[in-house]
Amino acid sequence: MSAWIWVAVAPLGAIGALGRFLLDGIVSARASGGFPVGTLVVNATGSLLLGLLAGLAVTGNALLLVGTATIGSYTTFSTWMLESQRLTEDADVLGAFVNIAASLAIGVGAAALGHAIGASG
C-alpha cells in the first residue's frame, strides 16, 4: 500500500464521519420520540452506497478509499448496538428489537438495491 493511500484515508474518513454527524442530526431533529431514526437512515444509505460500489465492481485502492475510508467511517455499527442496548435499558425491548430487525432488513435490502443499480449500468 502506497503512502498516498495512507495519507488519503484520514481526510476521507473525516468526510464520512462529518457526513454521518450531519445526516444523523438532520434526521433526528425532525423525528420525534426515542427511536434512533438518524442512525437507521445513515446505515441504510451507507449500505446502499456500498452495494452500489459492489455492483459497479469497484476494487483495489478505489474500494479501499471510497468503501472503507469514506463509507466505513460514515456508517456506524457501534452506535447502532449502543442505541439498541439503551432502548432495552429504557425498558423499550420492543423498540430495541425493531431497531435491530429493521436495521438488518433495511440494510440488506439497501445493499441489494445498490448492487442491482450498479450492476445494471
N, C-alpha and C. Protein backbone atom coordinates (compact mmCIF):
# COMPACT_ATOMS: atom_id res chain seq x y z
N MET A 1 0.85 -1.16 0.00
CA MET A 1 0.00 0.00 0.00
C MET A 1 0.90 1.24 0.00
N SER A 2 0.61 2.15 -0.90
CA SER A 2 1.46 3.32 -1.04
C SER A 2 1.18 4.38 0.03
N ALA A 3 2.12 5.27 0.18
CA ALA A 3 2.00 6.34 1.18
C ALA A 3 0.81 7.24 0.89
N TRP A 4 0.51 7.50 -0.38
CA TRP A 4 -0.60 8.40 -0.68
C TRP A 4 -1.93 7.80 -0.25
N ILE A 5 -2.05 6.47 -0.24
CA ILE A 5 -3.27 5.82 0.25
C ILE A 5 -3.42 6.10 1.74
N TRP A 6 -2.34 5.94 2.48
CA TRP A 6 -2.38 6.20 3.91
C TRP A 6 -2.76 7.66 4.19
N VAL A 7 -2.21 8.55 3.41
CA VAL A 7 -2.50 9.98 3.59
C VAL A 7 -3.95 10.29 3.23
N ALA A 8 -4.49 9.63 2.22
CA ALA A 8 -5.85 9.90 1.77
C ALA A 8 -6.92 9.37 2.73
N VAL A 9 -6.59 8.33 3.50
CA VAL A 9 -7.58 7.73 4.40
C VAL A 9 -8.07 8.73 5.44
N ALA A 10 -7.20 9.53 6.00
CA ALA A 10 -7.60 10.45 7.07
C ALA A 10 -8.63 11.48 6.61
N PRO A 11 -8.40 12.23 5.54
CA PRO A 11 -9.42 13.22 5.15
C PRO A 11 -10.71 12.56 4.65
N LEU A 12 -10.59 11.42 3.98
CA LEU A 12 -11.80 10.74 3.52
C LEU A 12 -12.60 10.20 4.70
N GLY A 13 -11.90 9.67 5.70
CA GLY A 13 -12.58 9.23 6.91
C GLY A 13 -13.27 10.38 7.62
N ALA A 14 -12.62 11.53 7.63
CA ALA A 14 -13.22 12.72 8.25
C ALA A 14 -14.47 13.14 7.50
N ILE A 15 -14.43 13.09 6.18
CA ILE A 15 -15.60 13.44 5.37
C ILE A 15 -16.76 12.50 5.68
N GLY A 16 -16.47 11.21 5.75
CA GLY A 16 -17.52 10.24 6.07
C GLY A 16 -18.11 10.47 7.45
N ALA A 17 -17.25 10.71 8.44
CA ALA A 17 -17.72 10.93 9.81
C ALA A 17 -18.55 12.22 9.90
N LEU A 18 -18.12 13.25 9.22
CA LEU A 18 -18.89 14.50 9.22
C LEU A 18 -20.24 14.32 8.52
N GLY A 19 -20.24 13.56 7.44
CA GLY A 19 -21.50 13.27 6.75
C GLY A 19 -22.47 12.54 7.66
N ARG A 20 -21.96 11.57 8.41
CA ARG A 20 -22.80 10.84 9.37
C ARG A 20 -23.34 11.79 10.43
N PHE A 21 -22.49 12.61 10.97
CA PHE A 21 -22.89 13.56 12.01
C PHE A 21 -23.99 14.50 11.50
N LEU A 22 -23.81 15.02 10.31
CA LEU A 22 -24.79 15.96 9.75
C LEU A 22 -26.12 15.29 9.44
N LEU A 23 -26.09 14.16 8.73
CA LEU A 23 -27.34 13.50 8.36
C LEU A 23 -28.07 13.00 9.60
N ASP A 24 -27.36 12.40 10.53
CA ASP A 24 -28.00 11.93 11.76
C ASP A 24 -28.64 13.10 12.50
N GLY A 25 -27.95 14.21 12.56
CA GLY A 25 -28.51 15.38 13.24
C GLY A 25 -29.77 15.92 12.56
N ILE A 26 -29.74 15.98 11.24
CA ILE A 26 -30.91 16.48 10.49
C ILE A 26 -32.11 15.56 10.68
N VAL A 27 -31.87 14.26 10.52
CA VAL A 27 -32.98 13.30 10.65
C VAL A 27 -33.49 13.26 12.08
N SER A 28 -32.60 13.22 13.04
CA SER A 28 -33.00 13.14 14.45
C SER A 28 -33.77 14.38 14.88
N ALA A 29 -33.41 15.54 14.35
CA ALA A 29 -34.11 16.78 14.71
C ALA A 29 -35.55 16.77 14.19
N ARG A 30 -35.79 16.07 13.09
CA ARG A 30 -37.12 16.02 12.51
C ARG A 30 -37.98 14.88 13.07
N ALA A 31 -37.32 13.89 13.66
CA ALA A 31 -38.03 12.74 14.21
C ALA A 31 -38.41 13.01 15.65
N SER A 32 -39.50 12.43 16.06
CA SER A 32 -39.88 12.57 17.46
C SER A 32 -39.74 11.22 18.15
N GLY A 33 -39.62 11.24 19.44
CA GLY A 33 -39.51 10.01 20.20
C GLY A 33 -38.08 9.59 20.41
N GLY A 34 -37.92 8.44 21.04
CA GLY A 34 -36.60 7.96 21.41
C GLY A 34 -36.00 6.96 20.44
N PHE A 35 -36.70 6.67 19.32
CA PHE A 35 -36.18 5.70 18.37
C PHE A 35 -35.07 6.33 17.55
N PRO A 36 -33.94 5.64 17.38
CA PRO A 36 -32.76 6.21 16.70
C PRO A 36 -32.88 6.20 15.17
N VAL A 37 -33.80 6.98 14.65
CA VAL A 37 -34.05 7.02 13.21
C VAL A 37 -32.83 7.54 12.45
N GLY A 38 -32.11 8.49 13.03
CA GLY A 38 -30.95 9.05 12.35
C GLY A 38 -29.90 8.00 12.03
N THR A 39 -29.60 7.15 12.99
CA THR A 39 -28.62 6.09 12.77
C THR A 39 -29.14 5.09 11.74
N LEU A 40 -30.42 4.79 11.79
CA LEU A 40 -31.02 3.88 10.81
C LEU A 40 -30.87 4.43 9.39
N VAL A 41 -31.14 5.70 9.21
CA VAL A 41 -31.02 6.32 7.89
C VAL A 41 -29.56 6.34 7.43
N VAL A 42 -28.67 6.69 8.31
CA VAL A 42 -27.24 6.70 7.97
C VAL A 42 -26.78 5.32 7.53
N ASN A 43 -27.10 4.29 8.31
CA ASN A 43 -26.64 2.95 7.98
C ASN A 43 -27.31 2.41 6.72
N ALA A 44 -28.58 2.76 6.48
CA ALA A 44 -29.26 2.33 5.26
C ALA A 44 -28.64 2.97 4.03
N THR A 45 -28.36 4.27 4.10
CA THR A 45 -27.76 4.93 2.94
C THR A 45 -26.33 4.44 2.72
N GLY A 46 -25.62 4.17 3.78
CA GLY A 46 -24.28 3.61 3.64
C GLY A 46 -24.31 2.22 3.01
N SER A 47 -25.29 1.41 3.38
CA SER A 47 -25.44 0.08 2.79
C SER A 47 -25.76 0.19 1.30
N LEU A 48 -26.62 1.13 0.96
CA LEU A 48 -26.94 1.37 -0.45
C LEU A 48 -25.68 1.74 -1.23
N LEU A 49 -24.89 2.64 -0.68
CA LEU A 49 -23.67 3.08 -1.37
C LEU A 49 -22.64 1.95 -1.49
N LEU A 50 -22.48 1.16 -0.44
CA LEU A 50 -21.55 0.03 -0.52
C LEU A 50 -22.03 -1.01 -1.53
N GLY A 51 -23.34 -1.25 -1.56
CA GLY A 51 -23.90 -2.16 -2.56
C GLY A 51 -23.66 -1.64 -3.97
N LEU A 52 -23.80 -0.33 -4.15
CA LEU A 52 -23.55 0.29 -5.44
C LEU A 52 -22.09 0.07 -5.87
N LEU A 53 -21.16 0.27 -4.94
CA LEU A 53 -19.74 0.03 -5.26
C LEU A 53 -19.52 -1.42 -5.68
N ALA A 54 -20.15 -2.35 -4.98
CA ALA A 54 -20.00 -3.77 -5.33
C ALA A 54 -20.61 -4.05 -6.70
N GLY A 55 -21.77 -3.46 -6.97
CA GLY A 55 -22.41 -3.65 -8.27
C GLY A 55 -21.60 -3.06 -9.41
N LEU A 56 -20.91 -1.98 -9.13
CA LEU A 56 -20.05 -1.35 -10.13
C LEU A 56 -18.71 -2.07 -10.25
N ALA A 57 -18.49 -3.07 -9.42
CA ALA A 57 -17.26 -3.86 -9.39
C ALA A 57 -16.03 -3.00 -9.10
N VAL A 58 -16.19 -2.04 -8.18
CA VAL A 58 -15.08 -1.21 -7.75
C VAL A 58 -14.14 -2.08 -6.92
N THR A 59 -12.86 -2.02 -7.20
CA THR A 59 -11.88 -2.86 -6.49
C THR A 59 -10.63 -2.05 -6.17
N GLY A 60 -9.71 -2.69 -5.53
CA GLY A 60 -8.40 -2.11 -5.28
C GLY A 60 -8.42 -0.88 -4.40
N ASN A 61 -7.55 0.07 -4.74
CA ASN A 61 -7.41 1.28 -3.94
C ASN A 61 -8.68 2.12 -3.94
N ALA A 62 -9.42 2.12 -5.05
CA ALA A 62 -10.66 2.89 -5.10
C ALA A 62 -11.66 2.35 -4.07
N LEU A 63 -11.77 1.03 -3.99
CA LEU A 63 -12.67 0.43 -3.00
C LEU A 63 -12.19 0.73 -1.58
N LEU A 64 -10.90 0.65 -1.36
CA LEU A 64 -10.34 0.96 -0.05
C LEU A 64 -10.66 2.40 0.36
N LEU A 65 -10.46 3.33 -0.55
CA LEU A 65 -10.65 4.75 -0.22
C LEU A 65 -12.12 5.13 -0.12
N VAL A 66 -12.92 4.68 -1.07
CA VAL A 66 -14.34 5.05 -1.04
C VAL A 66 -15.11 4.16 -0.07
N GLY A 67 -14.91 2.85 -0.18
CA GLY A 67 -15.67 1.91 0.63
C GLY A 67 -15.27 1.89 2.09
N THR A 68 -13.99 1.73 2.34
CA THR A 68 -13.52 1.59 3.72
C THR A 68 -13.34 2.93 4.41
N ALA A 69 -12.56 3.82 3.79
CA ALA A 69 -12.26 5.09 4.46
C ALA A 69 -13.49 5.99 4.55
N THR A 70 -14.18 6.17 3.44
CA THR A 70 -15.27 7.15 3.43
C THR A 70 -16.57 6.55 3.96
N ILE A 71 -17.07 5.51 3.31
CA ILE A 71 -18.35 4.94 3.71
C ILE A 71 -18.22 4.19 5.03
N GLY A 72 -17.07 3.57 5.25
CA GLY A 72 -16.84 2.88 6.52
C GLY A 72 -16.89 3.82 7.72
N SER A 73 -16.41 5.03 7.54
CA SER A 73 -16.48 6.00 8.65
C SER A 73 -17.84 6.69 8.71
N TYR A 74 -18.58 6.60 7.64
CA TYR A 74 -19.94 7.18 7.58
C TYR A 74 -20.93 6.29 8.33
N THR A 75 -20.87 4.99 8.10
CA THR A 75 -21.79 4.07 8.77
C THR A 75 -21.28 3.79 10.18
N THR A 76 -22.16 3.23 11.02
CA THR A 76 -21.76 3.08 12.41
C THR A 76 -22.45 1.89 13.08
N PHE A 77 -21.73 0.79 13.13
CA PHE A 77 -22.22 -0.41 13.81
C PHE A 77 -22.29 -0.20 15.31
N SER A 78 -21.25 0.40 15.87
CA SER A 78 -21.19 0.54 17.33
C SER A 78 -22.31 1.43 17.87
N THR A 79 -22.63 2.51 17.18
CA THR A 79 -23.72 3.37 17.62
C THR A 79 -25.05 2.64 17.53
N TRP A 80 -25.24 1.86 16.48
CA TRP A 80 -26.46 1.07 16.31
C TRP A 80 -26.63 0.11 17.49
N MET A 81 -25.54 -0.57 17.89
CA MET A 81 -25.62 -1.50 19.00
C MET A 81 -25.86 -0.78 20.32
N LEU A 82 -25.17 0.34 20.54
CA LEU A 82 -25.34 1.10 21.77
C LEU A 82 -26.77 1.62 21.88
N GLU A 83 -27.32 2.14 20.79
CA GLU A 83 -28.69 2.65 20.83
C GLU A 83 -29.69 1.52 21.08
N SER A 84 -29.42 0.35 20.55
CA SER A 84 -30.29 -0.80 20.82
C SER A 84 -30.21 -1.19 22.29
N GLN A 85 -29.01 -1.19 22.83
CA GLN A 85 -28.84 -1.51 24.25
C GLN A 85 -29.52 -0.47 25.13
N ARG A 86 -29.42 0.79 24.75
CA ARG A 86 -30.06 1.85 25.54
C ARG A 86 -31.58 1.74 25.51
N LEU A 87 -32.12 1.31 24.38
CA LEU A 87 -33.57 1.09 24.33
C LEU A 87 -33.98 0.02 25.33
N THR A 88 -33.18 -1.04 25.48
CA THR A 88 -33.52 -2.06 26.47
C THR A 88 -33.35 -1.53 27.89
N GLU A 89 -32.34 -0.68 28.10
CA GLU A 89 -32.17 -0.04 29.42
C GLU A 89 -33.38 0.79 29.79
N ASP A 90 -33.99 1.41 28.77
CA ASP A 90 -35.18 2.25 28.99
C ASP A 90 -36.46 1.42 29.00
N ALA A 91 -36.32 0.09 29.10
CA ALA A 91 -37.44 -0.85 29.12
C ALA A 91 -38.24 -0.83 27.83
N ASP A 92 -37.60 -0.47 26.73
CA ASP A 92 -38.25 -0.49 25.42
C ASP A 92 -37.67 -1.66 24.62
N VAL A 93 -37.97 -2.86 25.10
CA VAL A 93 -37.44 -4.06 24.46
C VAL A 93 -37.98 -4.20 23.05
N LEU A 94 -39.24 -3.87 22.85
CA LEU A 94 -39.82 -3.91 21.50
C LEU A 94 -39.09 -2.93 20.58
N GLY A 95 -38.81 -1.74 21.07
CA GLY A 95 -38.08 -0.76 20.27
C GLY A 95 -36.69 -1.26 19.91
N ALA A 96 -36.02 -1.92 20.86
CA ALA A 96 -34.69 -2.47 20.59
C ALA A 96 -34.77 -3.57 19.53
N PHE A 97 -35.77 -4.43 19.66
CA PHE A 97 -35.96 -5.48 18.66
C PHE A 97 -36.24 -4.89 17.29
N VAL A 98 -37.13 -3.90 17.23
CA VAL A 98 -37.45 -3.26 15.96
C VAL A 98 -36.21 -2.58 15.37
N ASN A 99 -35.43 -1.94 16.22
CA ASN A 99 -34.21 -1.27 15.74
C ASN A 99 -33.25 -2.29 15.12
N ILE A 100 -33.06 -3.40 15.78
CA ILE A 100 -32.14 -4.42 15.27
C ILE A 100 -32.70 -5.06 14.00
N ALA A 101 -33.96 -5.51 14.05
CA ALA A 101 -34.55 -6.20 12.91
C ALA A 101 -34.71 -5.28 11.70
N ALA A 102 -35.22 -4.08 11.94
CA ALA A 102 -35.43 -3.15 10.82
C ALA A 102 -34.09 -2.73 10.21
N SER A 103 -33.10 -2.48 11.05
CA SER A 103 -31.79 -2.10 10.53
C SER A 103 -31.19 -3.20 9.67
N LEU A 104 -31.32 -4.44 10.11
CA LEU A 104 -30.81 -5.56 9.32
C LEU A 104 -31.56 -5.70 8.00
N ALA A 105 -32.89 -5.69 8.07
CA ALA A 105 -33.70 -5.86 6.85
C ALA A 105 -33.48 -4.71 5.87
N ILE A 106 -33.52 -3.50 6.38
CA ILE A 106 -33.35 -2.34 5.51
C ILE A 106 -31.92 -2.28 4.97
N GLY A 107 -30.95 -2.60 5.80
CA GLY A 107 -29.55 -2.58 5.36
C GLY A 107 -29.28 -3.60 4.27
N VAL A 108 -29.76 -4.82 4.44
CA VAL A 108 -29.56 -5.85 3.42
C VAL A 108 -30.31 -5.47 2.14
N GLY A 109 -31.53 -4.98 2.29
CA GLY A 109 -32.29 -4.56 1.12
C GLY A 109 -31.64 -3.40 0.39
N ALA A 110 -31.11 -2.44 1.14
CA ALA A 110 -30.44 -1.29 0.52
C ALA A 110 -29.17 -1.72 -0.19
N ALA A 111 -28.41 -2.63 0.41
CA ALA A 111 -27.20 -3.13 -0.24
C ALA A 111 -27.55 -3.88 -1.53
N ALA A 112 -28.59 -4.68 -1.49
CA ALA A 112 -29.02 -5.41 -2.69
C ALA A 112 -29.49 -4.45 -3.77
N LEU A 113 -30.23 -3.42 -3.38
CA LEU A 113 -30.69 -2.42 -4.35
C LEU A 113 -29.50 -1.68 -4.97
N GLY A 114 -28.57 -1.26 -4.15
CA GLY A 114 -27.38 -0.59 -4.65
C GLY A 114 -26.61 -1.48 -5.61
N HIS A 115 -26.47 -2.76 -5.24
CA HIS A 115 -25.76 -3.69 -6.11
C HIS A 115 -26.48 -3.83 -7.44
N ALA A 116 -27.79 -3.97 -7.40
CA ALA A 116 -28.56 -4.10 -8.64
C ALA A 116 -28.43 -2.87 -9.52
N ILE A 117 -28.48 -1.71 -8.91
CA ILE A 117 -28.34 -0.46 -9.68
C ILE A 117 -26.94 -0.40 -10.32
N GLY A 118 -25.92 -0.71 -9.52
CA GLY A 118 -24.55 -0.68 -10.03
C GLY A 118 -24.30 -1.70 -11.12
N ALA A 119 -24.85 -2.88 -10.97
CA ALA A 119 -24.63 -3.96 -11.93
C ALA A 119 -25.38 -3.73 -13.24
N SER A 120 -26.44 -2.94 -13.19
CA SER A 120 -27.26 -2.71 -14.40
C SER A 120 -26.66 -1.65 -15.31
N GLY A 121 -25.70 -0.88 -14.78
CA GLY A 121 -25.14 0.23 -15.57
C GLY A 121 -23.95 -0.14 -16.28
